[in-house]
Amino acid sequence: MRGCEWCAYKETEWLLYQSLHWSVYLADRQDYVGRCILVLNRHCGSLSELDVPEWMELKTIINRLEWIYKEVLGAELCNWSCLLNNFYKELVPNPHLHIHVRPRYKNAVVINNHTYIDTEFTHHYALKKESIVLDDDRKVLYALMKKHFVL
């Protein structure tokens, strides 16, 4: 779709997994350790427009990601959100379905001997939180998640 940033997105550096219908990226802003963005591979404006195969594949990806978060990284729970608000700031909205996932941690996460604490655990995630994961730790996190993202 012309003018859609997600349709034109070709970056693969932080691509964890790609299927027929979905691409999963480790988010550039690691305000929550392991935060990811799931992007539908076709242009689509809302969840209600997904077809059955896209829903089925999404369910499989959700299962795998939650397993990685809980079993590999020690997350307690995951917050999933489909927020298309920014698209509607444009004069002519052109939303592209994507889903943010923020794993939440009751206990500290240690990567490369650096400790990360979820200071908002049991509360809504902070909207304007800065990235907390160091660049080298992000690379280790990416490799660990990618290794376990086998469906």
N, C-alpha and C. Protein backbone atom coordinates (compact mmCIF):
# COMPACT_ATOMS: atom_id res chain seq x y z
N MET A 1 0.86 -1.18 0.00
CA MET A 1 0.00 0.00 0.00
C MET A 1 0.89 1.22 0.00
N ARG A 2 0.64 2.12 -0.91
CA ARG A 2 1.43 3.34 -1.06
C ARG A 2 1.36 4.19 0.21
N GLY A 3 2.52 4.63 0.66
CA GLY A 3 2.58 5.51 1.81
C GLY A 3 2.51 4.81 3.15
N CYS A 4 2.53 3.51 3.17
CA CYS A 4 2.47 2.77 4.43
C CYS A 4 3.89 2.38 4.85
N GLU A 5 4.30 2.85 6.03
CA GLU A 5 5.64 2.54 6.52
C GLU A 5 5.85 1.05 6.76
N TRP A 6 4.84 0.36 7.27
CA TRP A 6 5.01 -1.07 7.53
C TRP A 6 5.07 -1.86 6.23
N CYS A 7 4.30 -1.47 5.23
CA CYS A 7 4.36 -2.17 3.94
C CYS A 7 5.71 -1.99 3.28
N ALA A 8 6.32 -0.84 3.49
CA ALA A 8 7.61 -0.53 2.87
C ALA A 8 8.79 -1.01 3.72
N TYR A 9 8.53 -1.46 4.93
CA TYR A 9 9.60 -1.84 5.86
C TYR A 9 10.33 -3.08 5.37
N LYS A 10 11.62 -2.97 5.18
CA LYS A 10 12.41 -4.10 4.66
C LYS A 10 13.56 -4.49 5.59
N GLU A 11 13.65 -3.84 6.74
CA GLU A 11 14.72 -4.10 7.69
C GLU A 11 14.61 -5.53 8.23
N THR A 12 15.74 -6.21 8.33
CA THR A 12 15.73 -7.58 8.87
C THR A 12 16.68 -7.75 10.05
N GLU A 13 17.37 -6.70 10.44
CA GLU A 13 18.37 -6.82 11.50
C GLU A 13 17.79 -7.39 12.80
N TRP A 14 16.59 -6.97 13.18
CA TRP A 14 15.98 -7.41 14.44
C TRP A 14 14.77 -8.32 14.21
N LEU A 15 14.70 -8.91 13.01
CA LEU A 15 13.62 -9.83 12.67
C LEU A 15 13.85 -11.15 13.40
N LEU A 16 12.94 -11.51 14.29
CA LEU A 16 13.04 -12.75 15.04
C LEU A 16 12.43 -13.93 14.29
N TYR A 17 11.34 -13.65 13.58
CA TYR A 17 10.62 -14.72 12.92
C TYR A 17 9.73 -14.13 11.83
N GLN A 18 9.64 -14.85 10.72
CA GLN A 18 8.73 -14.43 9.66
C GLN A 18 8.01 -15.66 9.14
N SER A 19 6.70 -15.52 9.02
CA SER A 19 5.86 -16.60 8.50
C SER A 19 5.13 -16.08 7.27
N LEU A 20 4.22 -16.84 6.78
CA LEU A 20 3.44 -16.42 5.62
C LEU A 20 2.67 -15.12 5.91
N HIS A 21 2.12 -15.01 7.12
CA HIS A 21 1.25 -13.88 7.44
C HIS A 21 1.83 -12.84 8.38
N TRP A 22 2.83 -13.20 9.17
CA TRP A 22 3.31 -12.30 10.23
C TRP A 22 4.83 -12.19 10.24
N SER A 23 5.31 -11.01 10.67
CA SER A 23 6.72 -10.80 10.95
C SER A 23 6.83 -10.35 12.40
N VAL A 24 7.80 -10.91 13.11
CA VAL A 24 8.01 -10.60 14.53
C VAL A 24 9.37 -9.94 14.68
N TYR A 25 9.38 -8.73 15.23
CA TYR A 25 10.60 -7.97 15.42
C TYR A 25 10.86 -7.70 16.89
N LEU A 26 12.11 -7.79 17.29
CA LEU A 26 12.49 -7.27 18.60
C LEU A 26 12.45 -5.76 18.45
N ALA A 27 11.66 -5.10 19.27
CA ALA A 27 11.43 -3.65 19.13
C ALA A 27 12.74 -2.87 19.31
N ASP A 28 12.83 -1.77 18.58
CA ASP A 28 14.03 -0.94 18.71
C ASP A 28 14.11 -0.33 20.10
N ARG A 29 12.98 0.05 20.65
CA ARG A 29 12.97 0.61 22.00
C ARG A 29 12.68 -0.51 22.99
N GLN A 30 13.69 -0.90 23.72
CA GLN A 30 13.57 -1.97 24.71
C GLN A 30 13.27 -1.37 26.07
N ASP A 31 12.09 -0.73 26.18
CA ASP A 31 11.66 -0.16 27.45
C ASP A 31 11.21 -1.26 28.41
N TYR A 32 10.85 -2.40 27.87
CA TYR A 32 10.56 -3.61 28.64
C TYR A 32 11.37 -4.72 27.98
N VAL A 33 12.12 -5.45 28.77
CA VAL A 33 13.05 -6.45 28.25
C VAL A 33 12.31 -7.46 27.37
N GLY A 34 12.69 -7.51 26.10
CA GLY A 34 12.10 -8.45 25.15
C GLY A 34 10.89 -7.91 24.39
N ARG A 35 10.61 -6.63 24.55
CA ARG A 35 9.44 -6.06 23.86
C ARG A 35 9.53 -6.35 22.36
N CYS A 36 8.42 -6.81 21.79
CA CYS A 36 8.37 -7.15 20.37
C CYS A 36 7.19 -6.46 19.68
N ILE A 37 7.28 -6.42 18.37
CA ILE A 37 6.20 -5.93 17.53
C ILE A 37 5.91 -7.00 16.49
N LEU A 38 4.64 -7.41 16.41
CA LEU A 38 4.19 -8.36 15.42
C LEU A 38 3.48 -7.57 14.32
N VAL A 39 3.90 -7.74 13.09
CA VAL A 39 3.36 -6.97 11.98
C VAL A 39 2.73 -7.92 10.97
N LEU A 40 1.49 -7.64 10.61
CA LEU A 40 0.84 -8.42 9.56
C LEU A 40 1.55 -8.14 8.25
N ASN A 41 1.83 -9.17 7.47
CA ASN A 41 2.60 -9.01 6.23
C ASN A 41 1.81 -8.39 5.09
N ARG A 42 0.51 -8.28 5.23
CA ARG A 42 -0.28 -7.59 4.20
C ARG A 42 -0.89 -6.34 4.83
N HIS A 43 -1.25 -5.40 4.00
CA HIS A 43 -1.87 -4.18 4.52
C HIS A 43 -3.29 -4.50 4.97
N CYS A 44 -3.57 -4.14 6.21
CA CYS A 44 -4.87 -4.44 6.82
C CYS A 44 -5.06 -3.41 7.93
N GLY A 45 -6.27 -2.89 8.07
CA GLY A 45 -6.49 -1.78 8.98
C GLY A 45 -6.99 -2.13 10.36
N SER A 46 -7.40 -3.37 10.61
CA SER A 46 -7.92 -3.68 11.94
C SER A 46 -7.93 -5.18 12.19
N LEU A 47 -8.03 -5.54 13.46
CA LEU A 47 -8.11 -6.95 13.84
C LEU A 47 -9.31 -7.64 13.22
N SER A 48 -10.40 -6.92 13.09
CA SER A 48 -11.62 -7.53 12.56
C SER A 48 -11.48 -7.94 11.09
N GLU A 49 -10.47 -7.44 10.41
CA GLU A 49 -10.25 -7.77 9.00
C GLU A 49 -9.35 -8.99 8.80
N LEU A 50 -8.83 -9.56 9.89
CA LEU A 50 -7.99 -10.75 9.74
C LEU A 50 -8.83 -11.92 9.24
N ASP A 51 -8.21 -12.76 8.41
CA ASP A 51 -8.90 -13.97 7.99
C ASP A 51 -8.49 -15.12 8.91
N VAL A 52 -9.14 -16.25 8.77
CA VAL A 52 -8.92 -17.39 9.68
C VAL A 52 -7.46 -17.85 9.69
N PRO A 53 -6.80 -18.03 8.53
CA PRO A 53 -5.40 -18.46 8.58
C PRO A 53 -4.50 -17.45 9.31
N GLU A 54 -4.77 -16.16 9.16
CA GLU A 54 -3.98 -15.15 9.87
C GLU A 54 -4.19 -15.24 11.38
N TRP A 55 -5.43 -15.45 11.81
CA TRP A 55 -5.72 -15.63 13.24
C TRP A 55 -5.02 -16.88 13.77
N MET A 56 -5.08 -17.96 13.02
CA MET A 56 -4.48 -19.22 13.47
C MET A 56 -2.96 -19.07 13.61
N GLU A 57 -2.35 -18.43 12.65
CA GLU A 57 -0.91 -18.23 12.71
C GLU A 57 -0.55 -17.29 13.87
N LEU A 58 -1.37 -16.27 14.08
CA LEU A 58 -1.14 -15.35 15.20
C LEU A 58 -1.18 -16.11 16.53
N LYS A 59 -2.13 -17.00 16.68
CA LYS A 59 -2.25 -17.80 17.91
C LYS A 59 -0.99 -18.63 18.13
N THR A 60 -0.47 -19.22 17.08
CA THR A 60 0.75 -20.02 17.18
C THR A 60 1.93 -19.15 17.61
N ILE A 61 2.03 -17.96 17.05
CA ILE A 61 3.12 -17.04 17.39
C ILE A 61 2.98 -16.56 18.83
N ILE A 62 1.77 -16.23 19.24
CA ILE A 62 1.53 -15.81 20.62
C ILE A 62 1.97 -16.92 21.59
N ASN A 63 1.58 -18.15 21.30
CA ASN A 63 1.97 -19.27 22.15
C ASN A 63 3.49 -19.36 22.28
N ARG A 64 4.18 -19.24 21.16
CA ARG A 64 5.64 -19.38 21.17
C ARG A 64 6.29 -18.22 21.91
N LEU A 65 5.85 -17.01 21.61
CA LEU A 65 6.44 -15.85 22.28
C LEU A 65 6.23 -15.90 23.78
N GLU A 66 5.03 -16.25 24.22
CA GLU A 66 4.78 -16.32 25.66
C GLU A 66 5.63 -17.42 26.29
N TRP A 67 5.85 -18.52 25.59
CA TRP A 67 6.72 -19.57 26.11
C TRP A 67 8.14 -19.03 26.28
N ILE A 68 8.64 -18.33 25.25
CA ILE A 68 9.99 -17.75 25.34
C ILE A 68 10.08 -16.78 26.50
N TYR A 69 9.11 -15.88 26.60
CA TYR A 69 9.13 -14.89 27.68
C TYR A 69 9.12 -15.55 29.05
N LYS A 70 8.27 -16.55 29.22
CA LYS A 70 8.11 -17.15 30.55
C LYS A 70 9.20 -18.16 30.87
N GLU A 71 9.46 -19.08 29.95
CA GLU A 71 10.40 -20.17 30.22
C GLU A 71 11.86 -19.79 30.03
N VAL A 72 12.15 -18.93 29.07
CA VAL A 72 13.54 -18.57 28.77
C VAL A 72 13.96 -17.30 29.52
N LEU A 73 13.08 -16.29 29.54
CA LEU A 73 13.44 -15.01 30.15
C LEU A 73 12.88 -14.82 31.56
N GLY A 74 11.94 -15.64 31.97
CA GLY A 74 11.40 -15.54 33.33
C GLY A 74 10.28 -14.54 33.52
N ALA A 75 9.59 -14.16 32.46
CA ALA A 75 8.48 -13.21 32.58
C ALA A 75 7.34 -13.84 33.37
N GLU A 76 6.61 -13.01 34.04
CA GLU A 76 5.44 -13.44 34.81
C GLU A 76 4.18 -13.43 33.93
N LEU A 77 4.09 -12.43 33.06
CA LEU A 77 2.93 -12.27 32.19
C LEU A 77 3.32 -11.44 30.98
N CYS A 78 2.38 -11.31 30.04
CA CYS A 78 2.62 -10.52 28.83
C CYS A 78 1.46 -9.57 28.60
N ASN A 79 1.76 -8.35 28.23
CA ASN A 79 0.74 -7.38 27.84
C ASN A 79 0.76 -7.26 26.32
N TRP A 80 -0.41 -7.52 25.70
CA TRP A 80 -0.55 -7.44 24.26
C TRP A 80 -1.41 -6.23 23.92
N SER A 81 -1.00 -5.44 22.93
CA SER A 81 -1.82 -4.28 22.57
C SER A 81 -1.77 -4.03 21.07
N CYS A 82 -2.93 -3.68 20.55
CA CYS A 82 -3.07 -3.31 19.14
C CYS A 82 -3.57 -1.87 19.14
N LEU A 83 -2.64 -0.95 19.11
CA LEU A 83 -2.97 0.47 19.21
C LEU A 83 -2.70 1.15 17.88
N LEU A 84 -3.73 1.52 17.19
CA LEU A 84 -3.59 2.12 15.86
C LEU A 84 -3.78 3.63 15.90
N ASN A 85 -3.77 4.22 17.10
CA ASN A 85 -4.09 5.64 17.28
C ASN A 85 -3.23 6.59 16.44
N ASN A 86 -1.93 6.34 16.37
CA ASN A 86 -1.06 7.28 15.66
C ASN A 86 -1.40 7.42 14.19
N PHE A 87 -1.92 6.37 13.58
CA PHE A 87 -2.32 6.45 12.17
C PHE A 87 -3.42 7.48 11.96
N TYR A 88 -4.24 7.67 12.96
CA TYR A 88 -5.39 8.57 12.84
C TYR A 88 -5.05 10.02 13.15
N LYS A 89 -3.78 10.28 13.38
CA LYS A 89 -3.31 11.67 13.51
C LYS A 89 -3.12 12.29 12.13
N GLU A 90 -3.06 11.44 11.11
CA GLU A 90 -2.89 11.90 9.74
C GLU A 90 -4.22 12.37 9.17
N LEU A 91 -4.16 13.28 8.21
CA LEU A 91 -5.36 13.78 7.55
C LEU A 91 -6.14 12.64 6.89
N VAL A 92 -5.38 11.73 6.24
CA VAL A 92 -5.99 10.54 5.65
C VAL A 92 -5.36 9.32 6.34
N PRO A 93 -6.05 8.77 7.32
CA PRO A 93 -5.49 7.62 8.05
C PRO A 93 -5.27 6.42 7.14
N ASN A 94 -4.17 5.72 7.37
CA ASN A 94 -3.83 4.53 6.58
C ASN A 94 -3.27 3.47 7.54
N PRO A 95 -4.10 2.96 8.47
CA PRO A 95 -3.58 2.05 9.49
C PRO A 95 -3.10 0.72 8.93
N HIS A 96 -2.05 0.21 9.54
CA HIS A 96 -1.52 -1.11 9.22
C HIS A 96 -1.46 -1.89 10.52
N LEU A 97 -2.14 -3.01 10.56
CA LEU A 97 -2.25 -3.80 11.76
C LEU A 97 -0.89 -4.28 12.27
N HIS A 98 -0.61 -3.97 13.52
CA HIS A 98 0.57 -4.47 14.22
C HIS A 98 0.23 -4.56 15.70
N ILE A 99 0.93 -5.43 16.39
CA ILE A 99 0.64 -5.71 17.78
C ILE A 99 1.91 -5.58 18.60
N HIS A 100 1.82 -4.84 19.69
CA HIS A 100 2.95 -4.68 20.61
C HIS A 100 2.81 -5.71 21.72
N VAL A 101 3.91 -6.30 22.11
CA VAL A 101 3.89 -7.20 23.27
C VAL A 101 5.00 -6.78 24.23
N ARG A 102 4.58 -6.59 25.47
CA ARG A 102 5.51 -6.20 26.52
C ARG A 102 5.49 -7.28 27.61
N PRO A 103 6.56 -8.07 27.69
CA PRO A 103 6.62 -9.02 28.79
C PRO A 103 6.82 -8.26 30.10
N ARG A 104 6.24 -8.79 31.17
CA ARG A 104 6.35 -8.14 32.48
C ARG A 104 7.01 -9.11 33.45
N TYR A 105 7.87 -8.56 34.27
CA TYR A 105 8.73 -9.37 35.13
C TYR A 105 8.54 -9.04 36.60
N LYS A 106 8.22 -10.07 37.37
CA LYS A 106 8.14 -9.94 38.82
C LYS A 106 9.56 -9.90 39.41
N ASN A 107 10.44 -10.68 38.81
CA ASN A 107 11.84 -10.76 39.26
C ASN A 107 12.76 -10.10 38.24
N ALA A 108 13.93 -9.76 38.69
CA ALA A 108 14.91 -9.11 37.82
C ALA A 108 15.33 -10.04 36.69
N VAL A 109 15.67 -9.45 35.54
CA VAL A 109 16.20 -10.17 34.39
C VAL A 109 17.68 -9.80 34.30
N VAL A 110 18.55 -10.80 34.14
CA VAL A 110 19.98 -10.56 34.05
C VAL A 110 20.46 -10.95 32.66
N ILE A 111 21.10 -10.00 32.00
CA ILE A 111 21.69 -10.23 30.68
C ILE A 111 23.10 -9.67 30.72
N ASN A 112 24.09 -10.50 30.39
CA ASN A 112 25.49 -10.05 30.40
C ASN A 112 25.88 -9.43 31.75
N ASN A 113 25.42 -10.00 32.81
CA ASN A 113 25.69 -9.49 34.17
C ASN A 113 25.09 -8.12 34.44
N HIS A 114 24.17 -7.66 33.60
CA HIS A 114 23.42 -6.42 33.85
C HIS A 114 22.02 -6.82 34.31
N THR A 115 21.57 -6.17 35.35
CA THR A 115 20.27 -6.50 35.95
C THR A 115 19.23 -5.48 35.52
N TYR A 116 18.08 -5.99 35.07
CA TYR A 116 16.97 -5.15 34.65
C TYR A 116 15.76 -5.46 35.52
N ILE A 117 15.16 -4.42 36.06
CA ILE A 117 14.02 -4.57 36.96
C ILE A 117 12.80 -3.88 36.35
N ASP A 118 11.69 -4.58 36.34
CA ASP A 118 10.42 -4.03 35.85
C ASP A 118 9.81 -3.21 36.99
N THR A 119 10.10 -1.93 37.00
CA THR A 119 9.68 -1.06 38.11
C THR A 119 8.19 -0.79 38.14
N GLU A 120 7.48 -1.12 37.06
CA GLU A 120 6.03 -0.92 37.03
C GLU A 120 5.27 -2.24 37.14
N PHE A 121 5.96 -3.32 37.52
CA PHE A 121 5.29 -4.61 37.59
C PHE A 121 4.02 -4.48 38.44
N THR A 122 2.94 -5.09 37.98
CA THR A 122 1.57 -5.07 38.53
C THR A 122 0.83 -3.77 38.21
N HIS A 123 1.44 -2.90 37.41
CA HIS A 123 0.79 -1.66 36.99
C HIS A 123 0.81 -1.58 35.47
N HIS A 124 -0.01 -0.70 34.92
CA HIS A 124 -0.01 -0.46 33.48
C HIS A 124 1.40 -0.08 33.05
N TYR A 125 1.80 -0.50 31.88
CA TYR A 125 3.14 -0.14 31.41
C TYR A 125 3.23 1.38 31.23
N ALA A 126 4.42 1.90 31.39
CA ALA A 126 4.67 3.34 31.25
C ALA A 126 4.72 3.70 29.77
N LEU A 127 3.96 4.72 29.38
CA LEU A 127 3.87 5.09 27.96
C LEU A 127 5.12 5.78 27.43
N LYS A 128 5.77 6.57 28.23
CA LYS A 128 6.92 7.37 27.76
C LYS A 128 8.24 6.88 28.34
N LYS A 129 8.32 5.63 28.68
CA LYS A 129 9.52 5.07 29.28
C LYS A 129 10.65 4.98 28.25
N GLU A 130 11.83 5.32 28.68
CA GLU A 130 13.00 5.25 27.81
C GLU A 130 13.48 3.81 27.69
N SER A 131 14.28 3.55 26.67
CA SER A 131 14.87 2.24 26.50
C SER A 131 15.79 1.95 27.68
N ILE A 132 15.72 0.75 28.21
CA ILE A 132 16.54 0.42 29.37
C ILE A 132 17.62 -0.61 29.07
N VAL A 133 17.50 -1.34 27.98
CA VAL A 133 18.42 -2.41 27.66
C VAL A 133 19.62 -1.85 26.89
N LEU A 134 20.82 -2.13 27.38
CA LEU A 134 22.03 -1.69 26.71
C LEU A 134 22.16 -2.37 25.35
N ASP A 135 22.84 -1.71 24.41
CA ASP A 135 22.95 -2.23 23.04
C ASP A 135 23.53 -3.64 22.99
N ASP A 136 24.62 -3.89 23.72
CA ASP A 136 25.22 -5.24 23.71
C ASP A 136 24.26 -6.27 24.29
N ASP A 137 23.52 -5.87 25.32
CA ASP A 137 22.55 -6.79 25.93
C ASP A 137 21.40 -7.05 24.98
N ARG A 138 21.04 -6.06 24.20
CA ARG A 138 19.96 -6.24 23.21
C ARG A 138 20.36 -7.29 22.18
N LYS A 139 21.63 -7.28 21.77
CA LYS A 139 22.12 -8.27 20.81
C LYS A 139 22.06 -9.68 21.40
N VAL A 140 22.44 -9.81 22.67
CA VAL A 140 22.38 -11.11 23.34
C VAL A 140 20.93 -11.57 23.47
N LEU A 141 20.06 -10.65 23.86
CA LEU A 141 18.64 -10.94 23.99
C LEU A 141 18.05 -11.41 22.66
N TYR A 142 18.39 -10.71 21.59
CA TYR A 142 17.91 -11.06 20.25
C TYR A 142 18.35 -12.48 19.88
N ALA A 143 19.63 -12.78 20.08
CA ALA A 143 20.15 -14.10 19.73
C ALA A 143 19.46 -15.20 20.55
N LEU A 144 19.24 -14.94 21.82
CA LEU A 144 18.58 -15.91 22.69
C LEU A 144 17.14 -16.16 22.25
N MET A 145 16.42 -15.09 21.96
CA MET A 145 15.02 -15.23 21.54
C MET A 145 14.94 -15.91 20.17
N LYS A 146 15.80 -15.52 19.25
CA LYS A 146 15.78 -16.09 17.90
C LYS A 146 16.07 -17.59 17.96
N LYS A 147 17.00 -17.98 18.80
CA LYS A 147 17.36 -19.39 18.96
C LYS A 147 16.15 -20.23 19.39
N HIS A 148 15.29 -19.66 20.21
CA HIS A 148 14.14 -20.39 20.73
C HIS A 148 12.86 -20.19 19.91
N PHE A 149 12.95 -19.37 18.86
CA PHE A 149 11.74 -19.08 18.08
C PHE A 149 11.61 -20.06 16.92
N VAL A 150 11.54 -21.32 17.24
CA VAL A 150 11.36 -22.36 16.24
C VAL A 150 9.95 -22.89 16.35
N LEU A 151 9.18 -22.79 15.29
CA LEU A 151 7.80 -23.28 15.32
C LEU A 151 7.67 -24.58 14.55
